[in-house]
C-alpha atoms as a PDB file:
ATOM      1  CA  ARG A   1      24.667  10.994 -68.720  1.00  0.00           C
ATOM      2  CA  ARG A   2      22.422   9.678 -70.853  1.00  0.00           C
ATOM      3  CA  PRO A   3      22.440   9.078 -74.212  1.00  0.00           C
ATOM      4  CA  ILE A   4      20.924  12.088 -76.382  1.00  0.00           C
ATOM      5  CA  THR A   5      18.060  10.947 -78.648  1.00  0.00           C
ATOM      6  CA  PHE A   6      17.460  12.892 -81.308  1.00  0.00           C
ATOM      7  CA  ALA A   7      13.515  13.702 -81.853  1.00  0.00           C
ATOM      8  CA  TRP A   8      13.876  11.874 -85.667  1.00  0.00           C
ATOM      9  CA  ALA A   9      14.984   8.615 -84.137  1.00  0.00           C
ATOM     10  CA  SER A  10      11.720   7.375 -82.409  1.00  0.00           C
ATOM     11  CA  PRO A  11       9.370   7.187 -85.772  1.00  0.00           C
ATOM     12  CA  ALA A  12      12.380   5.536 -87.668  1.00  0.00           C
ATOM     13  CA  ARG A  13      12.772   2.756 -85.163  1.00  0.00           C
ATOM     14  CA  THR A  14       8.560   2.962 -84.983  1.00  0.00           C
ATOM     15  CA  ALA A  15       9.081   2.161 -88.812  1.00  0.00           C
ATOM     16  CA  ALA A  16      11.633  -0.526 -88.742  1.00  0.00           C
ATOM     17  CA  ASN A  17       9.606  -2.126 -85.864  1.00  0.00           C
ATOM     18  CA  VAL A  18       6.198  -2.079 -88.078  1.00  0.00           C
ATOM     19  CA  ALA A  19       8.486  -3.882 -90.619  1.00  0.00           C
ATOM     20  CA  LYS A  20       9.983  -6.505 -88.117  1.00  0.00           C
ATOM     21  CA  THR A  21       6.089  -7.106 -87.393  1.00  0.00           C
ATOM     22  CA  ALA A  22       4.672  -7.340 -91.307  1.00  0.00           C
ATOM     23  CA  ALA A  23       7.797  -9.832 -91.653  1.00  0.00           C
ATOM     24  CA  ASP A  24       6.954 -11.650 -88.975  1.00  0.00           C
ATOM     25  CA  VAL A  25       3.331 -11.575 -89.792  1.00  0.00           C
ATOM     26  CA  THR A  26       4.440 -12.955 -93.308  1.00  0.00           C
ATOM     27  CA  GLY A  27       6.237 -15.342 -92.072  1.00  0.00           C
ATOM     28  CA  ASN A  28       3.802 -17.205 -89.924  1.00  0.00           C
ATOM     29  CA  GLU A  29       1.515 -17.030 -92.963  1.00  0.00           C
ATOM     30  CA  SER A  30       3.893 -18.582 -95.399  1.00  0.00           C
ATOM     31  CA  LEU A  31       4.918 -21.167 -92.552  1.00  0.00           C
ATOM     32  CA  LYS A  32       1.080 -21.379 -91.621  1.00  0.00           C
ATOM     33  CA  ALA A  33       0.011 -21.840 -95.360  1.00  0.00           C
ATOM     34  CA  VAL A  34       2.669 -24.960 -95.594  1.00  0.00           C
ATOM     35  CA  LEU A  35       3.032 -26.668 -92.567  1.00  0.00           C
ATOM     36  CA  THR A  36      -1.137 -26.803 -92.092  1.00  0.00           C
ATOM     37  CA  PRO A  37      -1.529 -29.729 -95.192  1.00  0.00           C
ATOM     38  CA  VAL A  38       1.439 -31.434 -93.350  1.00  0.00           C
ATOM     39  CA  ILE A  39      -0.011 -31.438 -90.123  1.00  0.00           C
ATOM     40  CA  LYS A  40      -3.547 -32.415 -92.048  1.00  0.00           C
ATOM     41  CA  VAL A  41      -1.974 -35.408 -93.167  1.00  0.00           C
ATOM     42  CA  LEU A  42       0.208 -36.083 -90.001  1.00  0.00           C
ATOM     43  CA  ASN A  43      -3.708 -35.886 -88.031  1.00  0.00           C
ATOM     44  CA  THR A  44      -5.212 -38.054 -90.323  1.00  0.00           C
ATOM     45  CA  THR A  45      -2.613 -40.750 -90.237  1.00  0.00           C
ATOM     46  CA  GLU A  46      -3.211 -40.707 -86.300  1.00  0.00           C
ATOM     47  CA  THR A  47      -6.551 -41.315 -86.769  1.00  0.00           C
ATOM     48  CA  GLN A  48      -5.994 -44.159 -88.728  1.00  0.00           C
ATOM     49  CA  VAL A  49      -3.197 -45.609 -86.808  1.00  0.00           C
ATOM     50  CA  LYS A  50      -5.515 -45.306 -83.394  1.00  0.00           C
ATOM     51  CA  ALA A  51      -7.956 -46.787 -85.523  1.00  0.00           C
ATOM     52  CA  ASP A  52      -6.266 -50.025 -86.176  1.00  0.00           C
ATOM     53  CA  ASN A  53      -5.818 -49.096 -89.454  1.00  0.00           C
ATOM     54  CA  VAL A  54      -2.210 -49.000 -90.528  1.00  0.00           C
ATOM     55  CA  ALA A  55      -1.993 -49.943 -94.077  1.00  0.00           C
ATOM     56  CA  ALA A  56      -4.764 -46.696 -94.994  1.00  0.00           C
ATOM     57  CA  ALA A  57      -2.183 -44.088 -92.514  1.00  0.00           C
ATOM     58  CA  THR A  58       0.400 -45.807 -94.526  1.00  0.00           C
ATOM     59  CA  ASN A  59      -1.320 -45.051 -97.693  1.00  0.00           C
ATOM     60  CA  THR A  60      -2.539 -41.435 -96.284  1.00  0.00           C
ATOM     61  CA  MET A  61       1.615 -40.845 -95.622  1.00  0.00           C
ATOM     62  CA  LYS A  62       2.391 -41.468 -99.632  1.00  0.00           C
ATOM     63  CA  THR A  63       1.532 -37.584 -99.670  1.00  0.00           C
ATOM     64  CA  PHE A  64       3.753 -36.380 -97.102  1.00  0.00           C
ATOM     65  CA  GLN A  65       7.204 -36.399 -98.739  1.00  0.00           C
ATOM     66  CA  GLY A  66       5.562 -33.810-101.338  1.00  0.00           C
ATOM     67  CA  LEU A  67       4.228 -31.783 -99.231  1.00  0.00           C
ATOM     68  CA  TRP A  68       7.743 -32.015 -96.704  1.00  0.00           C
ATOM     69  CA  GLU A  69       9.578 -30.673 -99.570  1.00  0.00           C
ATOM     70  CA  LYS A  70       7.393 -27.729 -99.824  1.00  0.00           C
ATOM     71  CA  ALA A  71       7.363 -26.861 -96.083  1.00  0.00           C
ATOM     72  CA  GLN A  72      11.008 -28.007 -95.287  1.00  0.00           C
ATOM     73  CA  PRO A  73      12.898 -24.552 -96.417  1.00  0.00           C
ATOM     74  CA  VAL A  74      10.102 -22.343 -94.369  1.00  0.00           C
ATOM     75  CA  VAL A  75      10.152 -24.854 -91.308  1.00  0.00           C
ATOM     76  CA  LYS A  76      13.705 -24.941 -91.216  1.00  0.00           C
ATOM     77  CA  LEU A  77      13.902 -21.300 -91.244  1.00  0.00           C
ATOM     78  CA  ALA A  78      11.130 -20.735 -88.576  1.00  0.00           C
ATOM     79  CA  ALA A  79      12.698 -23.350 -86.164  1.00  0.00           C
ATOM     80  CA  GLY A  80      16.327 -22.070 -86.098  1.00  0.00           C
ATOM     81  CA  SER A  81      18.252 -24.126 -83.674  1.00  0.00           C
ATOM     82  CA  ASN A  82      15.148 -26.491 -82.897  1.00  0.00           C
ATOM     83  CA  TYR A  83      15.147 -27.746 -86.230  1.00  0.00           C
ATOM     84  CA  GLY A  84      17.167 -30.875 -85.258  1.00  0.00           C
ATOM     85  CA  ILE A  85      13.640 -32.380 -83.419  1.00  0.00           C
ATOM     86  CA  ILE A  86      11.963 -31.837 -86.649  1.00  0.00           C
ATOM     87  CA  ASP A  87      14.599 -33.501 -88.716  1.00  0.00           C
ATOM     88  CA  LYS A  88      14.791 -36.188 -86.373  1.00  0.00           C
ATOM     89  CA  GLY A  89      11.412 -37.051 -86.531  1.00  0.00           C
ATOM     90  CA  VAL A  90      11.006 -36.471 -90.403  1.00  0.00           C
ATOM     91  CA  LYS A  91      13.584 -39.287 -90.823  1.00  0.00           C
ATOM     92  CA  LEU A  92      11.854 -41.544 -87.942  1.00  0.00           C
ATOM     93  CA  ILE A  93       8.423 -40.688 -90.150  1.00  0.00           C
ATOM     94  CA  THR A  94      10.513 -41.587 -93.034  1.00  0.00           C
ATOM     95  CA  THR A  95      11.757 -44.863 -92.162  1.00  0.00           C
ATOM     96  CA  VAL A  96       8.771 -46.239 -90.235  1.00  0.00           C
ATOM     97  CA  PHE A  97       6.173 -45.901 -92.670  1.00  0.00           C
ATOM     98  CA  GLY A  98       8.896 -46.015 -96.061  1.00  0.00           C
ATOM     99  CA  GLY A  99      10.074 -49.391 -95.182  1.00  0.00           C
ATOM    100  CA  GLU A 100       9.862 -52.794 -96.651  1.00  0.00           C
ATOM    101  CA  THR A 101       7.663 -54.148 -94.199  1.00  0.00           C
ATOM    102  CA  ALA A 102       4.724 -52.756 -92.889  1.00  0.00           C
ATOM    103  CA  PRO A 103       4.979 -50.168 -89.722  1.00  0.00           C
ATOM    104  CA  THR A 104       3.251 -51.369 -86.154  1.00  0.00           C
ATOM    105  CA  LYS A 105       0.852 -49.527 -84.349  1.00  0.00           C
ATOM    106  CA  ASP A 106       3.111 -48.740 -81.562  1.00  0.00           C
ATOM    107  CA  ASN A 107       5.875 -47.496 -84.262  1.00  0.00           C
ATOM    108  CA  ALA A 108       3.739 -45.694 -86.714  1.00  0.00           C
ATOM    109  CA  LEU A 109       1.668 -43.797 -84.077  1.00  0.00           C
ATOM    110  CA  SER A 110       4.948 -42.721 -81.874  1.00  0.00           C
ATOM    111  CA  ALA A 111       6.695 -41.171 -84.876  1.00  0.00           C
ATOM    112  CA  VAL A 112       3.349 -39.644 -86.060  1.00  0.00           C
ATOM    113  CA  THR A 113       2.974 -38.519 -82.180  1.00  0.00           C
ATOM    114  CA  GLY A 114       6.583 -37.637 -82.094  1.00  0.00           C
ATOM    115  CA  LEU A 115       6.258 -35.412 -85.120  1.00  0.00           C
ATOM    116  CA  ILE A 116       3.072 -33.217 -84.689  1.00  0.00           C
ATOM    117  CA  GLY A 117       3.868 -31.956 -81.823  1.00  0.00           C
ATOM    118  CA  PRO A 118       7.133 -29.715 -82.570  1.00  0.00           C
ATOM    119  CA  LEU A 119       5.415 -29.061 -86.113  1.00  0.00           C
ATOM    120  CA  LYS A 120       2.327 -27.463 -83.786  1.00  0.00           C
ATOM    121  CA  ALA A 121       4.259 -25.643 -81.606  1.00  0.00           C
ATOM    122  CA  LEU A 122       5.942 -23.699 -84.574  1.00  0.00           C
ATOM    123  CA  LEU A 123       2.865 -22.343 -85.195  1.00  0.00           C
ATOM    124  CA  GLY A 124       2.451 -21.210 -81.579  1.00  0.00           C
END
């Protein structure tokens, strides 16, 4: 037996799908708006570290925390069950760049690239 389909079910379902798509697009725009500056700082830092300028990279990373505080709630929502990987990456960045001793080139590069990948993956 097939379920009974009412004529009004299709337009309602279409409206629901349109609303969901609009919410997804809005969510993606919000995510992009807060994540783009974070990724830009990470990319700049990565370039500086690769050029053996860890001091400049450490200086660049001073803006990371403020940007991350804005981005974190949106990223957490968008990442869902994958947020743990991102959270570990942020903690590593904070440890590497926020310590009393300057990071080594390898530590800095590892921390930055380890966070860039999952963040870029969220943007698709």
